[in-house]
């Protein structure tokens, strides 16, 4: 099969078909309206995604409740948002009905921002913490996840991604660090109860075989007691629990596993490999293959961390530049059975039309992500997020923020 064909071969996911193997990853961009519904910039961004020709688009970390959230202008999926989300989904899907649309539903837990919401945790993690959740609190949050999944279904989404990654609440339960003696901690059976309950209830309460459910999972978080570590006080890699998790949610209805790693608030360069030392991308390939080997045929594995590879002009060593690109590794990993699809995050901000450009042989026209991570700076600053390399609006926004900050510092001194 010629180079490029693997990325553009259709694939069945659940009872639906993705036209190609490219996924727009969930990227928080802090541009909701005051009620957490899609704002003007949200519409603009997702309309471009649907024009861009990717097989699947995943709507960013949309919170199941407003009481605890990480972003001031974070999208939310509560009963008050259902009408607005229905309108939004209808409009973007009208642009390209073949593109599948999943909503990533989440709760921020210990990553909730205490400046405008309640910070909560399953067990205080050094440097994070928050109000320790009770079992009653957790039951209420599970209800919120199920209600949100029902809203996504009613609003016309093709499915949901129950977020179990990147340090958000879903992954906080799963960590060996959660050795607290309670219904949701200690034993592996207890630590998986939160995720499994959500899956079981979604399957029981949304009786639609065409509605696709899956999860983005951090296979190894890269710090002591994190997901994929051998115990509560070690960072040694032991993937046995992570692989058991993906098999457990698969048994409860998951049709896809989006494989990730790291926790951006702690191990950012692991979750999205750094341009100076991009070699962690090989760890991601390893995790993708491990998950691919663990799940059954038909469960779709989606790999992430590909943005740093760009057009081969990266800092990977001991490889030829024509064997170092996103296109090369995407095709190779699909061909070799490492993953079924690839997801782009930062690259989707740099160029949401990458898929259509690659499909039509316009590789040189792609705005390749430089992995400058200035989009992350905007996110941390709670500002609207976009590409600070190619999009003049966000380039100028960041410059303005830095100028104002510099003037403020000068006045203080």
Protein backbone atom coordinates (compact mmCIF):
# COMPACT_ATOMS: atom_id res chain seq x y z
CA UNK A 1 0.00 0.00 0.00
CA UNK A 2 1.42 3.39 -0.98
CA UNK A 3 2.50 5.87 1.64
CA UNK A 4 -0.44 7.92 2.89
CA UNK A 5 -3.10 5.30 2.25
CA UNK A 6 -3.11 3.89 5.77
CA UNK A 7 -4.06 7.26 7.25
CA UNK A 8 -6.92 7.61 4.80
CA UNK A 9 -8.38 4.14 5.00
CA UNK A 10 -11.88 4.14 6.59
CA UNK A 11 -12.34 2.34 9.90
CA UNK A 12 -15.36 1.06 11.78
CA UNK A 13 -15.79 2.40 15.30
CA UNK A 14 -18.76 1.00 17.14
CA UNK A 15 -21.55 0.86 14.57
CA UNK A 16 -20.25 3.87 12.66
CA UNK A 17 -17.53 4.55 10.13
CA UNK A 18 -14.72 7.08 10.38
CA UNK A 19 -13.73 8.15 6.88
CA UNK A 20 -10.04 8.25 7.81
CA UNK A 21 -7.63 7.58 10.68
CA UNK A 22 -7.03 11.18 11.82
CA UNK A 23 -8.64 12.46 15.04
CA UNK A 24 -8.81 16.02 16.36
CA UNK A 25 -7.84 15.64 20.01
CA UNK A 26 -9.72 17.42 22.81
CA UNK A 27 -8.01 20.83 23.23
CA UNK A 28 -9.31 23.21 25.89
CA UNK A 29 -9.54 26.73 24.51
CA UNK A 30 -11.40 28.66 27.23
CA UNK A 31 -13.90 30.36 24.94
CA UNK A 32 -17.36 29.44 26.22
CA UNK A 33 -20.02 32.04 26.99
CA UNK A 34 -20.95 32.94 30.56
CA UNK A 35 -23.16 29.84 30.93
CA UNK A 36 -20.52 27.40 29.67
CA UNK A 37 -22.20 27.04 26.27
CA UNK A 38 -20.27 27.39 22.99
CA UNK A 39 -19.22 30.97 22.33
CA UNK A 40 -18.46 32.76 19.08
CA UNK A 41 -14.86 31.54 18.98
CA UNK A 42 -15.96 27.99 19.84
CA UNK A 43 -18.22 28.00 16.81
CA UNK A 44 -15.49 29.39 14.58
CA UNK A 45 -12.97 26.80 15.72
CA UNK A 46 -15.18 23.74 15.37
CA UNK A 47 -16.61 24.81 12.03
CA UNK A 48 -13.03 24.85 10.78
CA UNK A 49 -12.39 21.42 12.30
CA UNK A 50 -15.35 20.01 10.41
CA UNK A 51 -14.18 21.68 7.21
CA UNK A 52 -10.72 20.20 7.80
CA UNK A 53 -11.55 16.64 6.83
CA UNK A 54 -10.53 14.67 9.93
CA UNK A 55 -12.42 11.44 10.58
CA UNK A 56 -13.28 12.25 14.20
CA UNK A 57 -13.44 15.48 16.19
CA UNK A 58 -13.42 15.34 20.00
CA UNK A 59 -14.94 18.31 21.83
CA UNK A 60 -12.60 19.53 24.53
CA UNK A 61 -12.88 18.65 28.25
CA UNK A 62 -16.48 19.73 28.72
CA UNK A 63 -17.26 19.80 32.43
CA UNK A 64 -20.16 17.84 33.90
CA UNK A 65 -20.61 20.46 36.64
CA UNK A 66 -19.76 24.11 37.17
CA UNK A 67 -19.01 23.88 40.90
CA UNK A 68 -15.54 22.38 40.30
CA UNK A 69 -13.79 23.29 37.06
CA UNK A 70 -10.30 24.19 35.92
CA UNK A 71 -11.12 26.96 33.44
CA UNK A 72 -13.11 30.15 33.97
CA UNK A 73 -14.65 29.97 30.49
CA UNK A 74 -14.85 26.18 30.29
CA UNK A 75 -17.52 24.50 28.21
CA UNK A 76 -20.08 22.69 30.35
CA UNK A 77 -22.63 19.97 29.69
CA UNK A 78 -25.47 20.43 32.14
CA UNK A 79 -29.23 20.57 31.57
CA UNK A 80 -29.00 24.35 31.11
CA UNK A 81 -26.61 23.81 28.15
CA UNK A 82 -28.63 21.17 26.28
CA UNK A 83 -30.45 23.52 23.92
CA UNK A 84 -27.28 25.45 23.06
CA UNK A 85 -25.28 22.24 22.53
CA UNK A 86 -28.00 20.80 20.27
CA UNK A 87 -27.83 23.91 18.09
CA UNK A 88 -24.03 23.84 18.07
CA UNK A 89 -23.76 20.15 17.14
CA UNK A 90 -26.38 20.51 14.41
CA UNK A 91 -24.53 23.44 12.83
CA UNK A 92 -21.04 21.94 12.82
CA UNK A 93 -22.17 18.51 11.66
CA UNK A 94 -24.06 20.12 8.77
CA UNK A 95 -20.68 21.24 7.42
CA UNK A 96 -19.43 17.65 7.12
CA UNK A 97 -21.90 14.96 8.25
CA UNK A 98 -19.30 12.24 7.69
CA UNK A 99 -17.04 13.51 10.47
CA UNK A 100 -17.88 11.83 13.80
CA UNK A 101 -18.26 14.10 16.83
CA UNK A 102 -17.48 12.93 20.37
CA UNK A 103 -17.76 15.07 23.51
CA UNK A 104 -15.07 14.58 26.16
CA UNK A 105 -16.90 14.75 29.49
CA UNK A 106 -14.84 15.50 32.57
CA UNK A 107 -14.58 16.72 36.17
CA UNK A 108 -11.46 18.60 37.22
CA UNK A 109 -11.15 17.36 40.82
CA UNK A 110 -7.85 18.53 42.30
CA UNK A 111 -7.17 20.57 39.15
CA UNK A 112 -10.21 22.75 39.81
CA UNK A 113 -9.29 26.41 40.14
CA UNK A 114 -10.06 27.69 43.69
CA UNK A 115 -10.27 31.28 42.43
CA UNK A 116 -13.71 30.58 40.99
CA UNK A 117 -14.66 27.01 41.94
CA UNK A 118 -14.36 24.32 44.60
CA UNK A 119 -11.12 22.32 44.54
CA UNK A 120 -11.73 18.69 45.53
CA UNK A 121 -9.65 15.53 45.68
CA UNK A 122 -9.75 11.82 46.45
CA UNK A 123 -6.62 12.12 48.59
CA UNK A 124 -4.46 15.26 48.96
CA UNK A 125 -1.59 15.12 46.46
CA UNK A 126 1.45 17.25 47.40
CA UNK A 127 1.12 20.64 45.74
CA UNK A 128 -2.55 20.10 44.84
CA UNK A 129 -4.99 18.90 47.51
CA UNK A 130 -8.49 20.31 47.98
CA UNK A 131 -11.57 19.28 49.91
CA UNK A 132 -11.52 15.51 50.35
CA UNK A 133 -14.51 13.96 48.59
CA UNK A 134 -16.99 11.88 50.53
CA UNK A 135 -18.64 8.78 49.11
CA UNK A 136 -21.86 10.80 48.80
CA UNK A 137 -19.99 13.45 46.80
CA UNK A 138 -18.72 10.80 44.42
CA UNK A 139 -22.17 9.31 43.88
CA UNK A 140 -23.41 12.78 42.96
CA UNK A 141 -20.54 13.26 40.48
CA UNK A 142 -21.29 9.88 38.88
CA UNK A 143 -24.87 11.11 38.42
CA UNK A 144 -23.49 14.22 36.70
CA UNK A 145 -21.45 12.13 34.26
CA UNK A 146 -24.46 10.02 33.34
CA UNK A 147 -26.71 13.05 32.93
CA UNK A 148 -24.06 14.65 30.71
CA UNK A 149 -23.78 11.55 28.55
CA UNK A 150 -27.57 11.60 28.12
CA UNK A 151 -27.42 15.27 27.11
CA UNK A 152 -24.68 14.51 24.58
CA UNK A 153 -26.84 11.74 23.13
CA UNK A 154 -29.95 13.88 23.03
CA UNK A 155 -28.04 16.81 21.50
CA UNK A 156 -26.90 14.71 18.56
CA UNK A 157 -23.31 13.81 19.39
CA UNK A 158 -22.01 10.52 18.01
CA UNK A 159 -20.57 9.56 21.39
CA UNK A 160 -18.67 10.57 24.51
CA UNK A 161 -15.14 10.25 25.79
CA UNK A 162 -15.30 9.59 29.53
CA UNK A 163 -12.06 11.33 30.49
CA UNK A 164 -9.68 9.10 32.51
CA UNK A 165 -6.44 10.96 31.87
CA UNK A 166 -4.17 13.96 32.43
CA UNK A 167 -4.68 14.36 36.16
CA UNK A 168 -8.41 15.07 36.05
CA UNK A 169 -10.77 13.41 38.50
CA UNK A 170 -11.27 10.23 36.48
CA UNK A 171 -7.56 9.46 36.68
CA UNK A 172 -7.21 10.58 40.31
CA UNK A 173 -9.29 7.62 41.47
CA UNK A 174 -7.20 5.14 39.48
CA UNK A 175 -3.78 6.05 40.88
CA UNK A 176 -2.01 3.71 43.32
CA UNK A 177 -1.57 6.95 45.32
CA UNK A 178 -5.29 6.68 46.13
CA UNK A 179 -4.65 4.21 48.96
CA UNK A 180 -7.23 5.89 51.17
CA UNK A 181 -9.46 3.38 52.96
CA UNK A 182 -12.85 4.07 51.40
CA UNK A 183 -15.27 2.74 48.80
CA UNK A 184 -13.30 4.36 45.97
CA UNK A 185 -9.73 3.78 47.11
CA UNK A 186 -7.18 1.24 48.23
CA UNK A 187 -7.75 -1.95 46.27
CA UNK A 188 -7.81 -1.98 42.47
CA UNK A 189 -11.44 -3.06 42.62
CA UNK A 190 -12.25 0.07 44.61
CA UNK A 191 -10.11 2.43 42.49
CA UNK A 192 -11.85 1.34 39.27
CA UNK A 193 -15.35 1.57 40.77
CA UNK A 194 -15.86 5.22 39.71
CA UNK A 195 -15.05 4.57 36.05
CA UNK A 196 -16.87 1.26 35.88
CA UNK A 197 -20.04 2.65 37.49
CA UNK A 198 -20.18 5.44 34.93
CA UNK A 199 -19.79 2.97 32.07
CA UNK A 200 -22.34 0.55 33.45
CA UNK A 201 -24.93 3.25 33.98
CA UNK A 202 -24.40 4.81 30.54
CA UNK A 203 -24.92 1.39 28.95
CA UNK A 204 -28.04 0.75 31.03
CA UNK A 205 -29.59 4.21 30.64
CA UNK A 206 -28.73 5.10 27.03
CA UNK A 207 -30.08 2.19 25.09
CA UNK A 208 -28.70 3.14 21.69
CA UNK A 209 -26.22 0.79 20.05
CA UNK A 210 -25.14 3.59 17.69
CA UNK A 211 -23.99 5.84 20.55
CA UNK A 212 -20.23 5.38 20.96
CA UNK A 213 -18.52 5.46 24.36
CA UNK A 214 -14.79 5.33 25.03
CA UNK A 215 -12.07 6.96 27.08
CA UNK A 216 -8.82 8.84 26.83
CA UNK A 217 -6.47 7.18 29.32
CA UNK A 218 -3.10 8.16 30.77
CA UNK A 219 -1.30 4.83 30.69
CA UNK A 220 1.63 6.10 32.78
CA UNK A 221 1.60 9.48 34.52
CA UNK A 222 5.33 9.57 35.25
CA UNK A 223 5.41 10.46 38.95
CA UNK A 224 5.33 8.44 42.21
CA UNK A 225 1.92 6.89 42.78
CA UNK A 226 0.58 8.02 39.42
CA UNK A 227 -1.38 5.85 37.03
CA UNK A 228 0.75 3.07 35.59
CA UNK A 229 3.24 3.07 38.47
CA UNK A 230 4.10 0.03 40.54
CA UNK A 231 2.81 1.42 43.84
CA UNK A 232 1.74 4.50 45.82
CA UNK A 233 5.31 5.67 46.44
CA UNK A 234 7.17 4.73 43.25
CA UNK A 235 7.29 5.98 39.67
CA UNK A 236 8.55 2.63 38.35
CA UNK A 237 6.47 1.69 35.32
CA UNK A 238 4.04 -1.19 35.79
CA UNK A 239 1.33 -1.16 33.13
CA UNK A 240 -0.64 -4.09 34.54
CA UNK A 241 -3.34 -1.92 36.13
CA UNK A 242 -3.60 0.43 33.14
CA UNK A 243 -4.02 -2.49 30.76
CA UNK A 244 -6.55 -4.11 33.09
CA UNK A 245 -8.44 -0.80 33.07
CA UNK A 246 -8.74 -0.66 29.29
CA UNK A 247 -9.94 -4.27 29.25
CA UNK A 248 -12.41 -3.45 32.03
CA UNK A 249 -13.99 -0.49 30.25
CA UNK A 250 -13.95 -2.44 27.00
CA UNK A 251 -16.00 -5.16 28.72
CA UNK A 252 -18.42 -2.44 29.82
CA UNK A 253 -18.95 -1.01 26.36
CA UNK A 254 -15.93 1.10 25.38
CA UNK A 255 -15.53 1.13 21.60
CA UNK A 256 -12.30 3.14 21.58
CA UNK A 257 -9.30 3.82 23.80
CA UNK A 258 -7.45 7.08 23.18
CA UNK A 259 -3.97 6.34 24.52
CA UNK A 260 -2.12 9.12 26.28
CA UNK A 261 0.39 9.52 29.09
CA UNK A 262 1.45 12.02 31.69
CA UNK A 263 -0.40 14.64 33.69
CA UNK A 264 0.19 18.09 32.14
CA UNK A 265 0.19 19.89 35.50
CA UNK A 266 3.01 17.60 36.68
CA UNK A 267 4.67 15.89 33.69
CA UNK A 268 3.84 18.17 30.76
CA UNK A 269 6.66 17.01 28.48
CA UNK A 270 5.48 13.42 28.89
CA UNK A 271 1.89 14.19 27.94
CA UNK A 272 2.98 16.28 24.95
CA UNK A 273 6.62 15.65 24.01
CA UNK A 274 8.87 18.70 24.10
CA UNK A 275 10.39 19.97 20.85
CA UNK A 276 13.90 20.09 22.36
CA UNK A 277 13.79 16.47 23.51
CA UNK A 278 10.96 14.81 21.56
CA UNK A 279 12.06 11.25 22.28
CA UNK A 280 9.16 10.62 24.67
CA UNK A 281 7.11 10.11 21.52
CA UNK A 282 8.60 6.61 21.41
CA UNK A 283 7.18 5.93 24.88
CA UNK A 284 3.76 6.83 23.50
CA UNK A 285 4.23 4.37 20.64
CA UNK A 286 5.11 1.70 23.20
CA UNK A 287 2.00 2.43 25.26
CA UNK A 288 -0.17 2.38 22.13
CA UNK A 289 1.15 -1.05 21.17
CA UNK A 290 0.62 -2.36 24.70
CA UNK A 291 -3.02 -1.26 24.62
CA UNK A 292 -3.49 -2.60 21.10
CA UNK A 293 -2.26 -5.99 22.30
CA UNK A 294 -4.57 -5.89 25.33
CA UNK A 295 -7.91 -5.10 23.69
CA UNK A 296 -10.03 -7.25 21.43
CA UNK A 297 -10.14 -6.90 17.64
CA UNK A 298 -12.67 -4.20 16.78
CA UNK A 299 -11.92 -1.97 19.75
CA UNK A 300 -10.30 1.07 18.16
CA UNK A 301 -6.99 2.27 19.58
CA UNK A 302 -6.22 5.94 18.98
CA UNK A 303 -2.65 7.09 19.56
CA UNK A 304 -1.66 10.61 20.57
CA UNK A 305 1.54 12.72 20.87
CA UNK A 306 2.12 12.91 17.11
CA UNK A 307 2.18 16.72 16.80
CA UNK A 308 5.85 17.01 17.76
CA UNK A 309 6.84 14.95 14.71
CA UNK A 310 5.55 17.57 12.23
CA UNK A 311 7.16 17.26 8.75
CA UNK A 312 10.23 15.46 10.07
CA UNK A 313 12.00 18.68 10.97
CA UNK A 314 12.34 17.83 14.63
CA UNK A 315 15.11 16.92 17.04
CA UNK A 316 14.82 13.15 16.84
CA UNK A 317 18.27 11.61 16.54
CA UNK A 318 19.59 8.57 14.66
CA UNK A 319 16.82 8.67 12.04
CA UNK A 320 16.57 10.05 8.54
CA UNK A 321 14.36 13.15 8.32
CA UNK A 322 12.04 11.41 5.84
CA UNK A 323 11.47 8.71 8.46
CA UNK A 324 10.76 11.09 11.33
CA UNK A 325 7.54 12.83 10.31
CA UNK A 326 3.97 12.64 11.57
CA UNK A 327 2.87 11.23 8.23
CA UNK A 328 5.61 8.58 8.23
CA UNK A 329 5.00 7.37 11.80
CA UNK A 330 1.22 7.60 11.49
CA UNK A 331 1.26 5.33 8.45
CA UNK A 332 3.91 3.02 9.86
CA UNK A 333 2.20 2.58 13.23
CA UNK A 334 -1.16 1.85 11.63
CA UNK A 335 0.47 -0.57 9.18
CA UNK A 336 2.43 -2.32 11.96
CA UNK A 337 -0.57 -2.69 14.28
CA UNK A 338 0.71 -0.24 16.88
CA UNK A 339 -2.44 1.88 16.70
CA UNK A 340 -5.58 2.15 14.56
CA UNK A 341 -5.79 5.94 14.38
CA UNK A 342 -3.71 8.97 15.35
CA UNK A 343 -4.88 12.05 17.26
CA UNK A 344 -3.48 15.55 16.84
CA UNK A 345 -3.73 18.18 19.57
CA UNK A 346 -1.35 21.12 19.19
CA UNK A 347 -1.17 20.43 15.46
CA UNK A 348 -4.95 20.91 15.20
CA UNK A 349 -4.54 24.45 16.51
CA UNK A 350 -1.70 25.12 14.06
CA UNK A 351 -3.66 23.77 11.09
CA UNK A 352 -7.12 22.26 11.40
CA UNK A 353 -7.00 21.51 7.67
CA UNK A 354 -4.04 19.13 7.94
CA UNK A 355 -6.09 16.04 7.06
CA UNK A 356 -7.53 17.47 3.84
CA UNK A 357 -4.13 18.84 2.82
CA UNK A 358 -2.38 15.51 3.35
CA UNK A 359 -5.15 13.65 1.54
CA UNK A 360 -4.76 15.84 -1.54
CA UNK A 361 -0.95 15.71 -1.54
CA UNK A 362 -0.51 19.28 -0.31
CA UNK A 363 1.89 18.33 2.48
CA UNK A 364 4.01 21.43 1.90
CA UNK A 365 0.99 23.66 2.51
CA UNK A 366 0.48 22.35 6.05
CA UNK A 367 1.21 24.80 8.85
CA UNK A 368 3.24 22.42 10.97
CA UNK A 369 3.09 22.88 14.73
CA UNK A 370 6.40 24.24 16.06
CA UNK A 371 5.69 22.82 19.54
CA UNK A 372 6.43 26.26 20.99
CA UNK A 373 3.71 25.54 23.60
CA UNK A 374 2.62 29.17 23.73
CA UNK A 375 -0.94 27.88 23.35
CA UNK A 376 -0.37 26.23 26.73
CA UNK A 377 0.73 29.57 28.14
CA UNK A 378 -2.60 31.08 27.11
CA UNK A 379 -4.41 28.14 28.72
CA UNK A 380 -2.53 28.54 31.99
CA UNK A 381 -3.35 32.26 31.96
CA UNK A 382 -7.08 31.42 31.58
CA UNK A 383 -7.25 33.23 28.23
CA UNK A 384 -8.85 32.25 24.92
CA UNK A 385 -6.53 29.70 23.33
CA UNK A 386 -5.29 29.49 19.76
CA UNK A 387 -2.08 29.08 17.78
CA UNK A 388 0.49 31.73 18.67
CA UNK A 389 2.58 30.96 15.60
CA UNK A 390 0.13 31.06 12.68
CA UNK A 391 -2.97 32.85 13.97
CA UNK A 392 -2.35 36.61 14.20
CA UNK A 393 -5.23 37.09 16.64
CA UNK A 394 -3.59 34.87 19.26
CA UNK A 395 -0.05 36.03 18.47
CA UNK A 396 -1.11 39.59 19.28
CA UNK A 397 -3.18 38.51 22.30
CA UNK A 398 -0.14 36.86 23.90
CA UNK A 399 2.08 39.84 23.09
CA UNK A 400 -0.44 42.16 24.73
CA UNK A 401 -0.63 40.00 27.85
CA UNK A 402 3.14 39.92 28.17
CA UNK A 403 3.45 43.68 27.58
CA UNK A 404 0.85 44.44 30.24
CA UNK A 405 2.50 42.03 32.65
CA UNK A 406 5.87 43.66 31.99
CA UNK A 407 4.46 47.15 32.65
CA UNK A 408 2.85 45.91 35.87
CA UNK A 409 6.17 44.46 37.08
CA UNK A 410 7.96 47.69 36.17
CA UNK A 411 5.50 49.73 38.26
CA UNK A 412 5.99 47.42 41.24
CA UNK A 413 9.75 47.85 41.12
